[in-house]
Amino acid sequence: VQLQACGGGSVRAGGSLRLSCAASGRTFSGFAIGWFRQVPGKEREFVASIWWSSGITDYAHSVEDRFTISRDNAKNTVYLQMSDLKPEDTAVYFCAARNSNTWDNWGQGTQVTVSS
């Protein structure tokens, strides 16, 4: 499955952004879709995930009260609604998909910059 992520940008602290991850080549059925982020010089970290079929979600502790992951079946798209953004949320955000234990399908990153 090919992934296309978009929606990044620059906002002030406290602001909101919505990232989108669209699939091409096949549907997300049977996959988990996740969002990760990476700051230069640091490892890529998990942000949130959703199982397409069941809708079961998981969040990193640092974002669980501020970010919401959701899916739109008709558009074959996963969203990450980010609210109350903080400067420490600044990173390149990636979406990924897996139907096994390995996140082996990755989209390109989208930059999110939060200024104080």
C-alpha atoms as a PDB file:
ATOM      1  CA  VAL A   1       0.000   0.000   0.000  1.00  0.00           C
ATOM      2  CA  GLN A   2       1.295   3.446  -0.902  1.00  0.00           C
ATOM      3  CA  LEU A   3       0.762   6.254   1.569  1.00  0.00           C
ATOM      4  CA  GLN A   4       0.459   9.979   1.010  1.00  0.00           C
ATOM      5  CA  ALA A   5       0.695  12.230   4.052  1.00  0.00           C
ATOM      6  CA  CYS A   6      -0.153  15.892   4.065  1.00  0.00           C
ATOM      7  CA  GLY A   7      -1.464  18.655   6.279  1.00  0.00           C
ATOM      8  CA  GLY A   8       1.624  19.867   8.070  1.00  0.00           C
ATOM      9  CA  GLY A   9       2.398  23.520   8.581  1.00  0.00           C
ATOM     10  CA  SER A  10       3.411  26.178  11.044  1.00  0.00           C
ATOM     11  CA  VAL A  11       1.239  27.214  13.972  1.00  0.00           C
ATOM     12  CA  ARG A  12       1.596  28.974  17.282  1.00  0.00           C
ATOM     13  CA  ALA A  13       1.478  27.095  20.527  1.00  0.00           C
ATOM     14  CA  GLY A  14      -2.083  26.239  21.415  1.00  0.00           C
ATOM     15  CA  GLY A  15      -3.098  25.966  17.804  1.00  0.00           C
ATOM     16  CA  SER A  16      -4.383  23.003  15.840  1.00  0.00           C
ATOM     17  CA  LEU A  17      -3.531  21.100  12.693  1.00  0.00           C
ATOM     18  CA  ARG A  18      -5.004  18.067  10.975  1.00  0.00           C
ATOM     19  CA  LEU A  19      -2.776  15.626   9.168  1.00  0.00           C
ATOM     20  CA  SER A  20      -4.106  13.269   6.525  1.00  0.00           C
ATOM     21  CA  CYS A  21      -2.785   9.930   5.328  1.00  0.00           C
ATOM     22  CA  ALA A  22      -4.368   8.573   2.163  1.00  0.00           C
ATOM     23  CA  ALA A  23      -3.838   5.120   0.729  1.00  0.00           C
ATOM     24  CA  SER A  24      -3.401   4.239  -2.905  1.00  0.00           C
ATOM     25  CA  GLY A  25      -2.947   0.882  -4.498  1.00  0.00           C
ATOM     26  CA  ARG A  26      -5.329  -0.852  -2.126  1.00  0.00           C
ATOM     27  CA  THR A  27      -7.596  -0.138   0.798  1.00  0.00           C
ATOM     28  CA  PHE A  28      -6.504   0.012   4.400  1.00  0.00           C
ATOM     29  CA  SER A  29      -8.681  -2.975   5.239  1.00  0.00           C
ATOM     30  CA  GLY A  30      -6.758  -5.362   7.460  1.00  0.00           C
ATOM     31  CA  PHE A  31      -4.083  -2.822   8.292  1.00  0.00           C
ATOM     32  CA  ALA A  32      -3.148  -0.753  11.260  1.00  0.00           C
ATOM     33  CA  ILE A  33      -2.212   2.796  10.358  1.00  0.00           C
ATOM     34  CA  GLY A  34       0.103   4.774  12.547  1.00  0.00           C
ATOM     35  CA  TRP A  35       1.558   8.210  12.886  1.00  0.00           C
ATOM     36  CA  PHE A  36       5.152   8.692  13.935  1.00  0.00           C
ATOM     37  CA  ARG A  37       7.312  11.757  14.298  1.00  0.00           C
ATOM     38  CA  GLN A  38      10.986  12.496  14.168  1.00  0.00           C
ATOM     39  CA  VAL A  39      13.174  15.376  15.205  1.00  0.00           C
ATOM     40  CA  PRO A  40      16.644  15.673  13.630  1.00  0.00           C
ATOM     41  CA  GLY A  41      19.162  13.757  15.669  1.00  0.00           C
ATOM     42  CA  LYS A  42      16.543  11.724  17.500  1.00  0.00           C
ATOM     43  CA  GLU A  43      14.840   8.422  16.860  1.00  0.00           C
ATOM     44  CA  ARG A  44      11.477   8.253  15.211  1.00  0.00           C
ATOM     45  CA  GLU A  45       8.788   7.968  17.872  1.00  0.00           C
ATOM     46  CA  PHE A  46       5.301   6.531  17.873  1.00  0.00           C
ATOM     47  CA  VAL A  47       2.447   9.019  18.121  1.00  0.00           C
ATOM     48  CA  ALA A  48      -0.820   7.189  17.487  1.00  0.00           C
ATOM     49  CA  SER A  49      -2.328   4.277  15.612  1.00  0.00           C
ATOM     50  CA  ILE A  50      -5.681   2.912  14.553  1.00  0.00           C
ATOM     51  CA  TRP A  51      -6.774  -0.493  13.319  1.00  0.00           C
ATOM     52  CA  TRP A  52      -8.795   0.105  10.187  1.00  0.00           C
ATOM     53  CA  SER A  53     -11.298  -2.688  10.671  1.00  0.00           C
ATOM     54  CA  SER A  54     -12.014  -2.371  14.397  1.00  0.00           C
ATOM     55  CA  GLY A  55     -11.218   1.282  14.973  1.00  0.00           C
ATOM     56  CA  ILE A  56      -9.158   0.434  18.030  1.00  0.00           C
ATOM     57  CA  THR A  57      -6.737   3.261  18.752  1.00  0.00           C
ATOM     58  CA  ASP A  58      -3.527   3.711  20.675  1.00  0.00           C
ATOM     59  CA  TYR A  59      -1.689   6.870  21.657  1.00  0.00           C
ATOM     60  CA  ALA A  60       1.639   7.924  23.031  1.00  0.00           C
ATOM     61  CA  HIS A  61       1.207   9.238  26.543  1.00  0.00           C
ATOM     62  CA  SER A  62       2.536  12.634  25.511  1.00  0.00           C
ATOM     63  CA  VAL A  63      -0.320  13.241  23.060  1.00  0.00           C
ATOM     64  CA  GLU A  64      -3.262  11.180  24.298  1.00  0.00           C
ATOM     65  CA  ASP A  65      -5.185  14.152  25.685  1.00  0.00           C
ATOM     66  CA  ARG A  66      -4.528  16.411  22.690  1.00  0.00           C
ATOM     67  CA  PHE A  67      -4.416  14.310  19.517  1.00  0.00           C
ATOM     68  CA  THR A  68      -7.157  12.207  17.941  1.00  0.00           C
ATOM     69  CA  ILE A  69      -6.651   9.613  15.239  1.00  0.00           C
ATOM     70  CA  SER A  70      -9.626   8.703  13.081  1.00  0.00           C
ATOM     71  CA  ARG A  71     -10.507   7.120   9.768  1.00  0.00           C
ATOM     72  CA  ASP A  72     -12.791   7.840   6.844  1.00  0.00           C
ATOM     73  CA  ASN A  73     -13.748   4.623   5.111  1.00  0.00           C
ATOM     74  CA  ALA A  74     -15.168   6.331   2.052  1.00  0.00           C
ATOM     75  CA  LYS A  75     -11.988   8.306   1.456  1.00  0.00           C
ATOM     76  CA  ASN A  76      -9.615   5.534   2.547  1.00  0.00           C
ATOM     77  CA  THR A  77      -7.889   8.141   4.655  1.00  0.00           C
ATOM     78  CA  VAL A  78      -6.651   8.353   8.217  1.00  0.00           C
ATOM     79  CA  TYR A  79      -6.512  11.661  10.047  1.00  0.00           C
ATOM     80  CA  LEU A  80      -4.525  12.928  12.987  1.00  0.00           C
ATOM     81  CA  GLN A  81      -6.258  15.877  14.594  1.00  0.00           C
ATOM     82  CA  MET A  82      -3.719  17.722  16.699  1.00  0.00           C
ATOM     83  CA  SER A  83      -4.927  20.282  19.223  1.00  0.00           C
ATOM     84  CA  ASP A  84      -3.259  22.388  21.889  1.00  0.00           C
ATOM     85  CA  LEU A  85       0.010  22.024  20.027  1.00  0.00           C
ATOM     86  CA  LYS A  86       3.221  22.634  21.918  1.00  0.00           C
ATOM     87  CA  PRO A  87       6.677  23.570  20.655  1.00  0.00           C
ATOM     88  CA  GLU A  88       7.854  20.082  21.582  1.00  0.00           C
ATOM     89  CA  ASP A  89       5.423  18.689  18.996  1.00  0.00           C
ATOM     90  CA  THR A  90       7.601  20.194  16.285  1.00  0.00           C
ATOM     91  CA  ALA A  91       8.818  17.348  14.083  1.00  0.00           C
ATOM     92  CA  VAL A  92       8.440  15.661  10.739  1.00  0.00           C
ATOM     93  CA  TYR A  93       5.355  13.479  10.940  1.00  0.00           C
ATOM     94  CA  PHE A  94       5.119  10.216   9.019  1.00  0.00           C
ATOM     95  CA  CYS A  95       2.250   7.833   8.483  1.00  0.00           C
ATOM     96  CA  ALA A  96       2.839   4.131   8.217  1.00  0.00           C
ATOM     97  CA  ALA A  97       0.833   0.955   7.767  1.00  0.00           C
ATOM     98  CA  ARG A  98       1.257  -2.615   8.863  1.00  0.00           C
ATOM     99  CA  ASN A  99      -0.628  -5.891   8.636  1.00  0.00           C
ATOM    100  CA  SER A 100       1.962  -7.813  10.578  1.00  0.00           C
ATOM    101  CA  ASN A 101       4.232  -6.962  13.486  1.00  0.00           C
ATOM    102  CA  THR A 102       6.346  -4.655  11.359  1.00  0.00           C
ATOM    103  CA  TRP A 103       5.618  -1.125  10.207  1.00  0.00           C
ATOM    104  CA  ASP A 104       6.773  -1.764   6.653  1.00  0.00           C
ATOM    105  CA  ASN A 105       4.830   0.750   4.596  1.00  0.00           C
ATOM    106  CA  TRP A 106       5.845   4.364   5.036  1.00  0.00           C
ATOM    107  CA  GLY A 107       4.694   7.591   3.492  1.00  0.00           C
ATOM    108  CA  GLN A 108       6.775  10.685   3.052  1.00  0.00           C
ATOM    109  CA  GLY A 109       6.979  13.037   5.993  1.00  0.00           C
ATOM    110  CA  THR A 110       5.151  16.281   6.540  1.00  0.00           C
ATOM    111  CA  GLN A 111       6.671  19.047   8.644  1.00  0.00           C
ATOM    112  CA  VAL A 112       4.869  20.397  11.679  1.00  0.00           C
ATOM    113  CA  THR A 113       6.363  23.468  13.320  1.00  0.00           C
ATOM    114  CA  VAL A 114       4.947  24.925  16.526  1.00  0.00           C
ATOM    115  CA  SER A 115       6.268  28.267  17.681  1.00  0.00           C
ATOM    116  CA  SER A 116       6.030  29.574  21.217  1.00  0.00           C
END
